[in-house]
Amino acid sequence: MEAIIATRDLKKVYRLGKVEVQALRGVDCIVHEGELVAVVGPSGCGKSTLLHILGGLTSPTSGHVLVDGNDFSKMTDADRTRFRRHTIGFVFQRFNLLPTLTARNNIAIAQHIQGNGFNPHRFQAVVEMLGIQDKLEHRPYALSGGEQQRVAIARAVICEPKILLADEPTGNLDTENSQAVLSMIRNLNKTFGQTILMITHNPEAAAVADRIIHMRDGQIISD
């Protein structure tokens, strides 16, 4: 399998006044195309920092990040923004749905932002897989937490990104909804061949992955 994500000696230092906090301490990792990988570890271990760097949302202090053959260190902020729009989908613990739009329009707006227009066939395939066909005309306030997360996942994958980055996607859900969302993440990986990197502190969530990367104190301690 070909590597779609690779980091080398990745370091991130945050400065809080005169104090330096080392969020990442030389992380080397590889994710192959089509893999479902979970990154686990206690709060503050650096896993969310790693995801934000891999998504081009923040820059490392040093080291290299290659995503789909692109070296982030050689890209401008504008380049990374365009790259994210076409290559990476994001799912967060907070659903971040637009409250005034229906579920249908929350999903469809992602296609319009990307600039390729509305693709009804892709739309139908995604909403059927996620089981939200009968919720499309509802606004977020009328949806359960699990339903909102399904809509958020649909929005993230509707434009067929090569990579889906999920940061604690079940963190705000009860057990039943967590299991349903994890099942759908697994189905996205198996049916569409979606490459997925999922950050979680939940062992049950990590168990659906092909590989589990364990982090502690800004380092990978096992893979």
N, C-alpha and C. Protein backbone atom coordinates (compact mmCIF):
# COMPACT_ATOMS: atom_id res chain seq x y z
N MET A 1 0.84 -1.20 0.00
CA MET A 1 0.00 0.00 0.00
C MET A 1 0.87 1.25 0.00
N GLU A 2 0.38 2.26 -0.66
CA GLU A 2 1.13 3.51 -0.75
C GLU A 2 0.83 4.40 0.44
N ALA A 3 1.86 5.07 0.96
CA ALA A 3 1.67 6.00 2.08
C ALA A 3 1.01 7.26 1.59
N ILE A 4 -0.10 7.65 2.23
CA ILE A 4 -0.78 8.89 1.87
C ILE A 4 -0.48 9.99 2.89
N ILE A 5 -0.06 9.58 4.10
CA ILE A 5 0.37 10.51 5.14
C ILE A 5 1.70 10.02 5.69
N ALA A 6 2.67 10.92 5.83
CA ALA A 6 3.96 10.56 6.43
C ALA A 6 4.51 11.76 7.18
N THR A 7 4.99 11.54 8.38
CA THR A 7 5.67 12.60 9.13
C THR A 7 7.07 12.12 9.50
N ARG A 8 7.97 13.08 9.63
CA ARG A 8 9.35 12.75 10.03
C ARG A 8 9.83 13.75 11.07
N ASP A 9 10.16 13.23 12.26
CA ASP A 9 10.72 14.02 13.36
C ASP A 9 9.86 15.26 13.63
N LEU A 10 8.56 15.05 13.70
CA LEU A 10 7.62 16.16 13.85
C LEU A 10 7.62 16.67 15.29
N LYS A 11 7.85 17.98 15.43
CA LYS A 11 7.87 18.60 16.76
C LYS A 11 6.97 19.83 16.77
N LYS A 12 6.30 20.04 17.90
CA LYS A 12 5.48 21.23 18.08
C LYS A 12 5.67 21.75 19.49
N VAL A 13 6.09 23.01 19.58
CA VAL A 13 6.30 23.66 20.87
C VAL A 13 5.38 24.86 20.97
N TYR A 14 4.58 24.90 22.03
CA TYR A 14 3.75 26.07 22.32
C TYR A 14 4.45 26.90 23.39
N ARG A 15 4.41 28.19 23.22
CA ARG A 15 5.01 29.08 24.22
C ARG A 15 3.92 29.83 24.97
N LEU A 16 3.87 29.62 26.26
CA LEU A 16 2.91 30.29 27.13
C LEU A 16 3.69 31.21 28.06
N GLY A 17 3.85 32.47 27.62
CA GLY A 17 4.71 33.38 28.35
C GLY A 17 6.15 32.92 28.24
N LYS A 18 6.78 32.67 29.38
CA LYS A 18 8.16 32.18 29.37
C LYS A 18 8.26 30.66 29.41
N VAL A 19 7.10 30.00 29.41
CA VAL A 19 7.07 28.55 29.53
C VAL A 19 6.89 27.91 28.15
N GLU A 20 7.71 26.90 27.87
CA GLU A 20 7.57 26.13 26.63
C GLU A 20 6.89 24.80 26.93
N VAL A 21 5.86 24.51 26.13
CA VAL A 21 5.16 23.23 26.26
C VAL A 21 5.42 22.42 25.00
N GLN A 22 6.04 21.28 25.15
CA GLN A 22 6.36 20.42 24.00
C GLN A 22 5.19 19.47 23.74
N ALA A 23 4.36 19.85 22.76
CA ALA A 23 3.19 19.04 22.46
C ALA A 23 3.55 17.80 21.66
N LEU A 24 4.51 17.93 20.75
CA LEU A 24 5.01 16.79 19.98
C LEU A 24 6.53 16.76 20.09
N ARG A 25 7.08 15.55 20.29
CA ARG A 25 8.51 15.42 20.54
C ARG A 25 9.15 14.45 19.54
N GLY A 26 9.08 14.78 18.26
CA GLY A 26 9.72 13.96 17.25
C GLY A 26 8.88 12.78 16.81
N VAL A 27 7.72 13.06 16.22
CA VAL A 27 6.78 12.00 15.82
C VAL A 27 7.06 11.55 14.39
N ASP A 28 7.25 10.26 14.22
CA ASP A 28 7.37 9.62 12.91
C ASP A 28 6.18 8.68 12.74
N CYS A 29 5.38 8.91 11.72
CA CYS A 29 4.26 8.00 11.49
C CYS A 29 3.91 7.95 10.02
N ILE A 30 3.29 6.85 9.63
CA ILE A 30 2.86 6.65 8.26
C ILE A 30 1.43 6.10 8.27
N VAL A 31 0.59 6.64 7.39
CA VAL A 31 -0.75 6.09 7.16
C VAL A 31 -0.84 5.73 5.69
N HIS A 32 -1.23 4.51 5.41
CA HIS A 32 -1.33 4.05 4.02
C HIS A 32 -2.72 4.34 3.47
N GLU A 33 -2.76 4.49 2.17
CA GLU A 33 -4.04 4.77 1.50
C GLU A 33 -5.03 3.63 1.77
N GLY A 34 -6.25 4.02 2.18
CA GLY A 34 -7.30 3.05 2.44
C GLY A 34 -7.32 2.50 3.86
N GLU A 35 -6.38 2.92 4.71
CA GLU A 35 -6.35 2.45 6.10
C GLU A 35 -7.33 3.21 6.97
N LEU A 36 -7.78 2.55 8.02
CA LEU A 36 -8.49 3.18 9.12
C LEU A 36 -7.59 3.06 10.35
N VAL A 37 -7.05 4.20 10.78
CA VAL A 37 -6.07 4.23 11.86
C VAL A 37 -6.62 5.03 13.03
N ALA A 38 -6.49 4.48 14.22
CA ALA A 38 -6.88 5.20 15.44
C ALA A 38 -5.63 5.64 16.19
N VAL A 39 -5.64 6.87 16.67
CA VAL A 39 -4.57 7.39 17.52
C VAL A 39 -5.15 7.59 18.91
N VAL A 40 -4.59 6.89 19.89
CA VAL A 40 -5.14 6.92 21.24
C VAL A 40 -4.08 7.40 22.22
N GLY A 41 -4.59 7.85 23.36
CA GLY A 41 -3.70 8.32 24.41
C GLY A 41 -4.44 9.24 25.35
N PRO A 42 -3.88 9.51 26.52
CA PRO A 42 -4.55 10.37 27.50
C PRO A 42 -4.62 11.82 27.03
N SER A 43 -5.48 12.58 27.66
CA SER A 43 -5.58 14.02 27.34
C SER A 43 -4.22 14.68 27.52
N GLY A 44 -3.87 15.55 26.56
CA GLY A 44 -2.60 16.26 26.63
C GLY A 44 -1.42 15.49 26.07
N CYS A 45 -1.67 14.32 25.45
CA CYS A 45 -0.55 13.53 24.93
C CYS A 45 -0.07 14.01 23.57
N GLY A 46 -0.83 14.91 22.91
CA GLY A 46 -0.41 15.46 21.62
C GLY A 46 -1.19 14.94 20.43
N LYS A 47 -2.19 14.09 20.67
CA LYS A 47 -2.88 13.47 19.53
C LYS A 47 -3.69 14.48 18.72
N SER A 48 -4.37 15.42 19.37
CA SER A 48 -5.12 16.43 18.62
C SER A 48 -4.19 17.41 17.91
N THR A 49 -3.06 17.72 18.53
CA THR A 49 -2.06 18.56 17.86
C THR A 49 -1.57 17.89 16.59
N LEU A 50 -1.33 16.59 16.67
CA LEU A 50 -0.90 15.83 15.48
C LEU A 50 -1.95 15.92 14.38
N LEU A 51 -3.22 15.72 14.74
CA LEU A 51 -4.28 15.78 13.73
C LEU A 51 -4.37 17.15 13.09
N HIS A 52 -4.26 18.20 13.89
CA HIS A 52 -4.35 19.57 13.34
C HIS A 52 -3.19 19.87 12.39
N ILE A 53 -2.03 19.34 12.69
CA ILE A 53 -0.89 19.53 11.79
C ILE A 53 -1.08 18.74 10.50
N LEU A 54 -1.55 17.50 10.61
CA LEU A 54 -1.79 16.68 9.43
C LEU A 54 -2.87 17.28 8.54
N GLY A 55 -3.81 18.00 9.14
CA GLY A 55 -4.85 18.65 8.37
C GLY A 55 -4.47 20.02 7.85
N GLY A 56 -3.26 20.46 8.15
CA GLY A 56 -2.83 21.77 7.68
C GLY A 56 -3.47 22.92 8.41
N LEU A 57 -4.05 22.65 9.59
CA LEU A 57 -4.71 23.70 10.36
C LEU A 57 -3.72 24.48 11.21
N THR A 58 -2.60 23.86 11.51
CA THR A 58 -1.52 24.54 12.23
C THR A 58 -0.20 23.99 11.72
N SER A 59 0.87 24.74 11.95
CA SER A 59 2.19 24.35 11.43
C SER A 59 3.05 23.77 12.54
N PRO A 60 3.90 22.80 12.22
CA PRO A 60 4.81 22.27 13.23
C PRO A 60 5.94 23.26 13.52
N THR A 61 6.57 23.10 14.65
CA THR A 61 7.75 23.90 14.96
C THR A 61 8.93 23.44 14.12
N SER A 62 9.03 22.12 13.91
CA SER A 62 10.06 21.56 13.03
C SER A 62 9.62 20.18 12.58
N GLY A 63 10.34 19.63 11.62
CA GLY A 63 9.99 18.34 11.07
C GLY A 63 9.24 18.48 9.75
N HIS A 64 8.87 17.35 9.17
CA HIS A 64 8.24 17.35 7.85
C HIS A 64 6.90 16.61 7.87
N VAL A 65 5.96 17.14 7.07
CA VAL A 65 4.65 16.52 6.88
C VAL A 65 4.40 16.38 5.39
N LEU A 66 4.18 15.15 4.94
CA LEU A 66 3.81 14.91 3.55
C LEU A 66 2.42 14.29 3.53
N VAL A 67 1.50 14.93 2.82
CA VAL A 67 0.14 14.43 2.70
C VAL A 67 -0.20 14.34 1.21
N ASP A 68 -0.50 13.14 0.76
CA ASP A 68 -0.79 12.87 -0.65
C ASP A 68 0.31 13.44 -1.55
N GLY A 69 1.57 13.27 -1.09
CA GLY A 69 2.71 13.68 -1.89
C GLY A 69 3.06 15.15 -1.79
N ASN A 70 2.35 15.91 -0.97
CA ASN A 70 2.60 17.35 -0.83
C ASN A 70 3.31 17.65 0.48
N ASP A 71 4.41 18.37 0.40
CA ASP A 71 5.18 18.77 1.57
C ASP A 71 4.61 20.09 2.09
N PHE A 72 3.96 20.05 3.26
CA PHE A 72 3.32 21.25 3.80
C PHE A 72 4.30 22.39 4.02
N SER A 73 5.58 22.06 4.29
CA SER A 73 6.56 23.11 4.57
C SER A 73 6.85 23.95 3.33
N LYS A 74 6.51 23.44 2.17
CA LYS A 74 6.77 24.15 0.92
C LYS A 74 5.51 24.84 0.38
N MET A 75 4.45 24.84 1.18
CA MET A 75 3.18 25.42 0.73
C MET A 75 2.87 26.68 1.52
N THR A 76 2.26 27.66 0.87
CA THR A 76 1.78 28.85 1.56
C THR A 76 0.48 28.51 2.30
N ASP A 77 0.04 29.44 3.14
CA ASP A 77 -1.24 29.25 3.82
C ASP A 77 -2.37 29.09 2.82
N ALA A 78 -2.34 29.88 1.76
CA ALA A 78 -3.37 29.79 0.72
C ALA A 78 -3.33 28.45 0.01
N ASP A 79 -2.11 27.94 -0.24
CA ASP A 79 -1.95 26.63 -0.86
C ASP A 79 -2.55 25.54 0.01
N ARG A 80 -2.28 25.62 1.31
CA ARG A 80 -2.79 24.60 2.24
C ARG A 80 -4.31 24.67 2.33
N THR A 81 -4.86 25.87 2.29
CA THR A 81 -6.32 26.01 2.32
C THR A 81 -6.95 25.35 1.11
N ARG A 82 -6.40 25.61 -0.07
CA ARG A 82 -6.93 24.98 -1.29
C ARG A 82 -6.77 23.46 -1.23
N PHE A 83 -5.64 23.02 -0.72
CA PHE A 83 -5.37 21.59 -0.62
C PHE A 83 -6.38 20.92 0.31
N ARG A 84 -6.62 21.52 1.48
CA ARG A 84 -7.60 20.97 2.42
C ARG A 84 -8.97 20.85 1.78
N ARG A 85 -9.36 21.87 1.04
CA ARG A 85 -10.69 21.91 0.46
C ARG A 85 -10.95 20.72 -0.46
N HIS A 86 -9.91 20.25 -1.12
CA HIS A 86 -10.08 19.20 -2.12
C HIS A 86 -9.62 17.82 -1.66
N THR A 87 -8.85 17.76 -0.58
CA THR A 87 -8.21 16.49 -0.22
C THR A 87 -8.59 15.96 1.14
N ILE A 88 -8.97 16.84 2.08
CA ILE A 88 -9.18 16.43 3.47
C ILE A 88 -10.58 16.80 3.95
N GLY A 89 -11.24 15.84 4.58
CA GLY A 89 -12.50 16.09 5.26
C GLY A 89 -12.27 16.03 6.77
N PHE A 90 -13.00 16.86 7.52
CA PHE A 90 -12.83 16.91 8.97
C PHE A 90 -14.15 16.58 9.68
N VAL A 91 -14.03 15.80 10.75
CA VAL A 91 -15.15 15.56 11.66
C VAL A 91 -14.65 15.83 13.07
N PHE A 92 -15.39 16.67 13.80
CA PHE A 92 -14.96 17.06 15.14
C PHE A 92 -15.96 16.59 16.19
N GLN A 93 -15.54 16.66 17.44
CA GLN A 93 -16.41 16.28 18.55
C GLN A 93 -17.64 17.18 18.58
N ARG A 94 -17.44 18.47 18.34
CA ARG A 94 -18.56 19.40 18.19
C ARG A 94 -19.00 19.36 16.73
N PHE A 95 -20.28 19.22 16.51
CA PHE A 95 -20.76 18.91 15.17
C PHE A 95 -20.59 20.07 14.18
N ASN A 96 -20.62 21.32 14.69
CA ASN A 96 -20.37 22.50 13.86
C ASN A 96 -21.32 22.61 12.67
N LEU A 97 -22.57 22.21 12.85
CA LEU A 97 -23.56 22.38 11.79
C LEU A 97 -24.11 23.80 11.81
N LEU A 98 -24.50 24.30 10.65
CA LEU A 98 -25.08 25.64 10.57
C LEU A 98 -26.54 25.56 11.01
N PRO A 99 -26.91 26.26 12.10
CA PRO A 99 -28.22 26.04 12.73
C PRO A 99 -29.41 26.47 11.87
N THR A 100 -29.21 27.39 10.93
CA THR A 100 -30.33 27.88 10.13
C THR A 100 -30.58 27.02 8.89
N LEU A 101 -29.68 26.08 8.61
CA LEU A 101 -29.82 25.24 7.41
C LEU A 101 -30.36 23.86 7.77
N THR A 102 -31.10 23.27 6.85
CA THR A 102 -31.53 21.88 7.01
C THR A 102 -30.32 20.95 6.90
N ALA A 103 -30.54 19.70 7.29
CA ALA A 103 -29.47 18.71 7.14
C ALA A 103 -29.04 18.61 5.69
N ARG A 104 -30.02 18.62 4.76
CA ARG A 104 -29.71 18.55 3.34
C ARG A 104 -28.76 19.67 2.93
N ASN A 105 -29.07 20.89 3.35
CA ASN A 105 -28.26 22.03 2.92
C ASN A 105 -26.93 22.10 3.67
N ASN A 106 -26.89 21.60 4.91
CA ASN A 106 -25.61 21.52 5.62
C ASN A 106 -24.64 20.61 4.88
N ILE A 107 -25.17 19.54 4.27
CA ILE A 107 -24.32 18.63 3.51
C ILE A 107 -23.96 19.22 2.15
N ALA A 108 -24.99 19.72 1.45
CA ALA A 108 -24.80 20.19 0.08
C ALA A 108 -23.87 21.40 0.00
N ILE A 109 -23.86 22.22 1.05
CA ILE A 109 -23.05 23.45 1.00
C ILE A 109 -21.56 23.12 0.84
N ALA A 110 -21.15 21.95 1.33
CA ALA A 110 -19.74 21.56 1.19
C ALA A 110 -19.37 21.39 -0.27
N GLN A 111 -20.27 20.84 -1.07
CA GLN A 111 -20.00 20.67 -2.50
C GLN A 111 -19.90 22.02 -3.19
N HIS A 112 -20.75 22.96 -2.79
CA HIS A 112 -20.72 24.28 -3.41
C HIS A 112 -19.45 25.04 -3.02
N ILE A 113 -19.01 24.89 -1.76
CA ILE A 113 -17.78 25.56 -1.31
C ILE A 113 -16.59 25.03 -2.09
N GLN A 114 -16.56 23.72 -2.33
CA GLN A 114 -15.45 23.14 -3.08
C GLN A 114 -15.41 23.67 -4.50
N GLY A 115 -16.58 24.01 -5.04
CA GLY A 115 -16.62 24.62 -6.37
C GLY A 115 -16.98 23.70 -7.50
N ASN A 116 -17.26 22.43 -7.19
CA ASN A 116 -17.58 21.48 -8.26
C ASN A 116 -19.07 21.31 -8.49
N GLY A 117 -19.89 22.06 -7.72
CA GLY A 117 -21.33 21.98 -7.90
C GLY A 117 -21.92 20.77 -7.20
N PHE A 118 -23.22 20.66 -7.25
CA PHE A 118 -23.95 19.60 -6.54
C PHE A 118 -23.92 18.31 -7.34
N ASN A 119 -23.52 17.22 -6.67
CA ASN A 119 -23.47 15.90 -7.30
C ASN A 119 -24.56 15.03 -6.66
N PRO A 120 -25.72 14.89 -7.31
CA PRO A 120 -26.84 14.17 -6.69
C PRO A 120 -26.56 12.69 -6.44
N HIS A 121 -25.76 12.07 -7.29
CA HIS A 121 -25.47 10.64 -7.12
C HIS A 121 -24.61 10.40 -5.88
N ARG A 122 -23.57 11.20 -5.71
CA ARG A 122 -22.73 11.08 -4.52
C ARG A 122 -23.55 11.40 -3.28
N PHE A 123 -24.38 12.43 -3.36
CA PHE A 123 -25.22 12.83 -2.23
C PHE A 123 -26.10 11.66 -1.78
N GLN A 124 -26.76 11.04 -2.73
CA GLN A 124 -27.67 9.95 -2.40
C GLN A 124 -26.93 8.76 -1.80
N ALA A 125 -25.76 8.43 -2.35
CA ALA A 125 -24.99 7.30 -1.85
C ALA A 125 -24.56 7.53 -0.40
N VAL A 126 -24.14 8.76 -0.10
CA VAL A 126 -23.66 9.07 1.25
C VAL A 126 -24.79 9.07 2.27
N VAL A 127 -25.91 9.72 1.95
CA VAL A 127 -27.00 9.81 2.94
C VAL A 127 -27.63 8.44 3.17
N GLU A 128 -27.64 7.59 2.15
CA GLU A 128 -28.17 6.23 2.34
C GLU A 128 -27.24 5.42 3.24
N MET A 129 -25.94 5.53 3.02
CA MET A 129 -25.00 4.79 3.85
C MET A 129 -25.10 5.22 5.31
N LEU A 130 -25.30 6.51 5.55
CA LEU A 130 -25.34 7.03 6.91
C LEU A 130 -26.74 6.98 7.53
N GLY A 131 -27.72 6.53 6.75
CA GLY A 131 -29.07 6.33 7.28
C GLY A 131 -29.78 7.60 7.70
N ILE A 132 -29.61 8.67 6.93
CA ILE A 132 -30.25 9.95 7.30
C ILE A 132 -31.20 10.45 6.21
N GLN A 133 -31.69 9.53 5.36
CA GLN A 133 -32.57 9.95 4.26
C GLN A 133 -33.81 10.67 4.78
N ASP A 134 -34.36 10.21 5.92
CA ASP A 134 -35.60 10.78 6.44
C ASP A 134 -35.37 11.98 7.36
N LYS A 135 -34.11 12.43 7.47
CA LYS A 135 -33.79 13.57 8.35
C LYS A 135 -33.33 14.80 7.56
N LEU A 136 -33.37 14.72 6.25
CA LEU A 136 -32.73 15.76 5.42
C LEU A 136 -33.40 17.12 5.53
N GLU A 137 -34.68 17.17 5.84
CA GLU A 137 -35.37 18.47 5.92
C GLU A 137 -35.40 19.02 7.34
N HIS A 138 -34.77 18.33 8.28
CA HIS A 138 -34.71 18.79 9.66
C HIS A 138 -33.52 19.72 9.86
N ARG A 139 -33.71 20.72 10.71
CA ARG A 139 -32.60 21.57 11.13
C ARG A 139 -31.91 20.91 12.33
N PRO A 140 -30.67 21.32 12.62
CA PRO A 140 -29.91 20.65 13.67
C PRO A 140 -30.62 20.53 15.01
N TYR A 141 -31.38 21.56 15.42
CA TYR A 141 -32.03 21.51 16.74
C TYR A 141 -33.06 20.37 16.83
N ALA A 142 -33.54 19.89 15.68
CA ALA A 142 -34.53 18.81 15.66
C ALA A 142 -33.89 17.43 15.52
N LEU A 143 -32.57 17.36 15.55
CA LEU A 143 -31.85 16.10 15.40
C LEU A 143 -31.19 15.70 16.71
N SER A 144 -31.09 14.41 16.95
CA SER A 144 -30.34 13.92 18.12
C SER A 144 -28.85 14.13 17.89
N GLY A 145 -28.08 13.93 18.95
CA GLY A 145 -26.63 14.08 18.81
C GLY A 145 -26.05 13.12 17.78
N GLY A 146 -26.52 11.87 17.80
CA GLY A 146 -26.04 10.90 16.83
C GLY A 146 -26.39 11.27 15.41
N GLU A 147 -27.61 11.80 15.22
CA GLU A 147 -28.03 12.23 13.88
C GLU A 147 -27.22 13.43 13.41
N GLN A 148 -26.94 14.36 14.32
CA GLN A 148 -26.12 15.52 13.95
C GLN A 148 -24.72 15.08 13.53
N GLN A 149 -24.16 14.10 14.25
CA GLN A 149 -22.81 13.64 13.88
C GLN A 149 -22.83 12.93 12.53
N ARG A 150 -23.91 12.22 12.22
CA ARG A 150 -24.01 11.58 10.91
C ARG A 150 -24.06 12.63 9.80
N VAL A 151 -24.80 13.69 10.04
CA VAL A 151 -24.85 14.79 9.06
C VAL A 151 -23.47 15.41 8.90
N ALA A 152 -22.76 15.59 10.03
CA ALA A 152 -21.42 16.17 9.98
C ALA A 152 -20.46 15.27 9.20
N ILE A 153 -20.60 13.95 9.37
CA ILE A 153 -19.76 13.02 8.62
C ILE A 153 -20.10 13.09 7.14
N ALA A 154 -21.40 13.15 6.83
CA ALA A 154 -21.82 13.26 5.42
C ALA A 154 -21.23 14.51 4.78
N ARG A 155 -21.27 15.62 5.50
CA ARG A 155 -20.71 16.87 4.99
C ARG A 155 -19.20 16.72 4.74
N ALA A 156 -18.52 15.97 5.63
CA ALA A 156 -17.07 15.83 5.51
C ALA A 156 -16.66 14.97 4.32
N VAL A 157 -17.50 14.01 3.93
CA VAL A 157 -17.09 13.07 2.87
C VAL A 157 -17.81 13.29 1.55
N ILE A 158 -18.74 14.25 1.51
CA ILE A 158 -19.56 14.43 0.31
C ILE A 158 -18.73 14.80 -0.91
N CYS A 159 -17.61 15.49 -0.69
CA CYS A 159 -16.77 15.93 -1.82
C CYS A 159 -15.68 14.92 -2.16
N GLU A 160 -15.82 13.70 -1.62
CA GLU A 160 -14.88 12.61 -1.90
C GLU A 160 -13.43 12.96 -1.57
N PRO A 161 -13.17 13.45 -0.35
CA PRO A 161 -11.78 13.72 0.03
C PRO A 161 -11.00 12.42 0.12
N LYS A 162 -9.72 12.49 -0.16
CA LYS A 162 -8.90 11.29 -0.05
C LYS A 162 -8.72 10.86 1.40
N ILE A 163 -8.77 11.85 2.31
CA ILE A 163 -8.48 11.59 3.72
C ILE A 163 -9.59 12.17 4.58
N LEU A 164 -10.03 11.40 5.58
CA LEU A 164 -10.96 11.90 6.59
C LEU A 164 -10.23 11.92 7.92
N LEU A 165 -10.18 13.09 8.56
CA LEU A 165 -9.59 13.25 9.88
C LEU A 165 -10.71 13.47 10.89
N ALA A 166 -10.79 12.58 11.87
CA ALA A 166 -11.88 12.63 12.85
C ALA A 166 -11.30 12.81 14.25
N ASP A 167 -11.69 13.88 14.92
CA ASP A 167 -11.17 14.21 16.25
C ASP A 167 -12.26 13.92 17.29
N GLU A 168 -12.11 12.82 18.01
CA GLU A 168 -13.08 12.39 19.02
C GLU A 168 -14.52 12.40 18.47
N PRO A 169 -14.78 11.69 17.37
CA PRO A 169 -16.09 11.78 16.73
C PRO A 169 -17.25 11.25 17.57
N THR A 170 -16.96 10.46 18.62
CA THR A 170 -18.02 9.95 19.49
C THR A 170 -17.98 10.59 20.87
N GLY A 171 -17.18 11.65 21.02
CA GLY A 171 -16.97 12.24 22.34
C GLY A 171 -18.21 12.82 22.99
N ASN A 172 -19.18 13.27 22.19
CA ASN A 172 -20.40 13.86 22.73
C ASN A 172 -21.61 12.95 22.62
N LEU A 173 -21.37 11.65 22.38
CA LEU A 173 -22.47 10.73 22.12
C LEU A 173 -22.59 9.68 23.21
N ASP A 174 -23.82 9.18 23.42
CA ASP A 174 -24.03 8.07 24.34
C ASP A 174 -23.56 6.77 23.68
N THR A 175 -23.62 5.69 24.43
CA THR A 175 -23.07 4.42 23.95
C THR A 175 -23.73 3.95 22.66
N GLU A 176 -25.05 4.00 22.61
CA GLU A 176 -25.77 3.51 21.43
C GLU A 176 -25.42 4.30 20.18
N ASN A 177 -25.44 5.63 20.31
CA ASN A 177 -25.10 6.47 19.16
C ASN A 177 -23.63 6.35 18.79
N SER A 178 -22.77 6.18 19.79
CA SER A 178 -21.34 6.00 19.51
C SER A 178 -21.12 4.77 18.65
N GLN A 179 -21.77 3.67 19.03
CA GLN A 179 -21.60 2.44 18.27
C GLN A 179 -22.12 2.58 16.84
N ALA A 180 -23.24 3.30 16.68
CA ALA A 180 -23.80 3.51 15.34
C ALA A 180 -22.86 4.34 14.47
N VAL A 181 -22.30 5.41 15.05
CA VAL A 181 -21.39 6.27 14.30
C VAL A 181 -20.10 5.51 13.95
N LEU A 182 -19.57 4.74 14.87
CA LEU A 182 -18.36 3.96 14.60
C LEU A 182 -18.60 2.93 13.50
N SER A 183 -19.76 2.32 13.51
CA SER A 183 -20.11 1.37 12.46
C SER A 183 -20.13 2.05 11.10
N MET A 184 -20.65 3.28 11.05
CA MET A 184 -20.72 4.01 9.79
C MET A 184 -19.33 4.47 9.33
N ILE A 185 -18.48 4.84 10.28
CA ILE A 185 -17.10 5.18 9.92
C ILE A 185 -16.40 3.97 9.31
N ARG A 186 -16.63 2.81 9.91
CA ARG A 186 -16.04 1.58 9.36
C ARG A 186 -16.59 1.29 7.96
N ASN A 187 -17.89 1.50 7.78
CA ASN A 187 -18.49 1.26 6.48
C ASN A 187 -17.94 2.21 5.42
N LEU A 188 -17.71 3.47 5.79
CA LEU A 188 -17.11 4.42 4.85
C LEU A 188 -15.74 3.92 4.40
N ASN A 189 -14.99 3.40 5.35
CA ASN A 189 -13.66 2.89 5.03
C ASN A 189 -13.73 1.68 4.12
N LYS A 190 -14.63 0.76 4.40
CA LYS A 190 -14.71 -0.48 3.64
C LYS A 190 -15.40 -0.29 2.29
N THR A 191 -16.47 0.49 2.25
CA THR A 191 -17.26 0.63 1.02
C THR A 191 -16.62 1.60 0.03
N PHE A 192 -16.17 2.75 0.53
CA PHE A 192 -15.60 3.77 -0.34
C PHE A 192 -14.08 3.75 -0.36
N GLY A 193 -13.45 2.88 0.44
CA GLY A 193 -11.99 2.87 0.52
C GLY A 193 -11.44 4.14 1.13
N GLN A 194 -12.24 4.78 1.98
CA GLN A 194 -11.87 6.06 2.57
C GLN A 194 -10.72 5.90 3.57
N THR A 195 -9.64 6.65 3.37
CA THR A 195 -8.55 6.69 4.35
C THR A 195 -9.01 7.52 5.54
N ILE A 196 -8.94 6.96 6.74
CA ILE A 196 -9.46 7.64 7.93
C ILE A 196 -8.42 7.58 9.04
N LEU A 197 -8.15 8.74 9.62
CA LEU A 197 -7.33 8.84 10.83
C LEU A 197 -8.23 9.38 11.92
N MET A 198 -8.42 8.61 12.97
CA MET A 198 -9.36 8.96 14.04
C MET A 198 -8.62 9.13 15.36
N ILE A 199 -8.82 10.27 15.99
CA ILE A 199 -8.27 10.53 17.32
C ILE A 199 -9.33 10.15 18.35
N THR A 200 -8.93 9.38 19.35
CA THR A 200 -9.91 8.99 20.37
C THR A 200 -9.20 8.61 21.66
N HIS A 201 -9.91 8.74 22.78
CA HIS A 201 -9.40 8.20 24.05
C HIS A 201 -10.22 6.98 24.46
N ASN A 202 -11.15 6.58 23.58
CA ASN A 202 -12.08 5.50 23.88
C ASN A 202 -11.58 4.18 23.26
N PRO A 203 -11.23 3.19 24.08
CA PRO A 203 -10.73 1.91 23.54
C PRO A 203 -11.74 1.23 22.61
N GLU A 204 -13.04 1.38 22.89
CA GLU A 204 -14.05 0.75 22.03
C GLU A 204 -14.07 1.41 20.65
N ALA A 205 -13.85 2.70 20.61
CA ALA A 205 -13.78 3.39 19.31
C ALA A 205 -12.54 2.95 18.55
N ALA A 206 -11.43 2.86 19.26
CA ALA A 206 -10.17 2.46 18.61
C ALA A 206 -10.25 1.04 18.05
N ALA A 207 -11.08 0.21 18.66
CA ALA A 207 -11.14 -1.20 18.27
C ALA A 207 -11.65 -1.42 16.85
N VAL A 208 -12.32 -0.44 16.25
CA VAL A 208 -12.82 -0.62 14.88
C VAL A 208 -11.72 -0.39 13.86
N ALA A 209 -10.56 0.11 14.29
CA ALA A 209 -9.50 0.48 13.36
C ALA A 209 -8.67 -0.71 12.91
N ASP A 210 -7.98 -0.54 11.77
CA ASP A 210 -7.02 -1.53 11.29
C ASP A 210 -5.74 -1.49 12.13
N ARG A 211 -5.36 -0.29 12.54
CA ARG A 211 -4.15 -0.09 13.34
C ARG A 211 -4.46 0.88 14.45
N ILE A 212 -3.77 0.71 15.57
CA ILE A 212 -3.90 1.63 16.70
C ILE A 212 -2.52 2.17 17.04
N ILE A 213 -2.39 3.49 17.00
CA ILE A 213 -1.16 4.17 17.38
C ILE A 213 -1.36 4.74 18.78
N HIS A 214 -0.48 4.38 19.70
CA HIS A 214 -0.57 4.86 21.08
C HIS A 214 0.42 6.01 21.28
N MET A 215 -0.08 7.11 21.85
CA MET A 215 0.77 8.27 22.14
C MET A 215 0.80 8.56 23.63
N ARG A 216 1.93 9.11 24.06
CA ARG A 216 2.06 9.59 25.44
C ARG A 216 3.16 10.64 25.46
N ASP A 217 2.89 11.74 26.14
CA ASP A 217 3.87 12.81 26.31
C ASP A 217 4.47 13.27 24.98
N GLY A 218 3.62 13.40 23.96
CA GLY A 218 4.06 13.94 22.69
C GLY A 218 4.83 12.99 21.81
N GLN A 219 4.82 11.70 22.14
CA GLN A 219 5.55 10.72 21.37
C GLN A 219 4.68 9.51 21.08
N ILE A 220 5.02 8.80 20.00
CA ILE A 220 4.38 7.51 19.73
C ILE A 220 5.13 6.46 20.53
N ILE A 221 4.39 5.72 21.36
CA ILE A 221 5.05 4.70 22.19
C ILE A 221 4.79 3.30 21.65
N SER A 222 3.78 3.13 20.79
CA SER A 222 3.57 1.84 20.12
C SER A 222 2.67 2.04 18.91
N ASP A 223 2.83 1.16 17.93
CA ASP A 223 2.04 1.21 16.70
C ASP A 223 1.78 -0.23 16.28
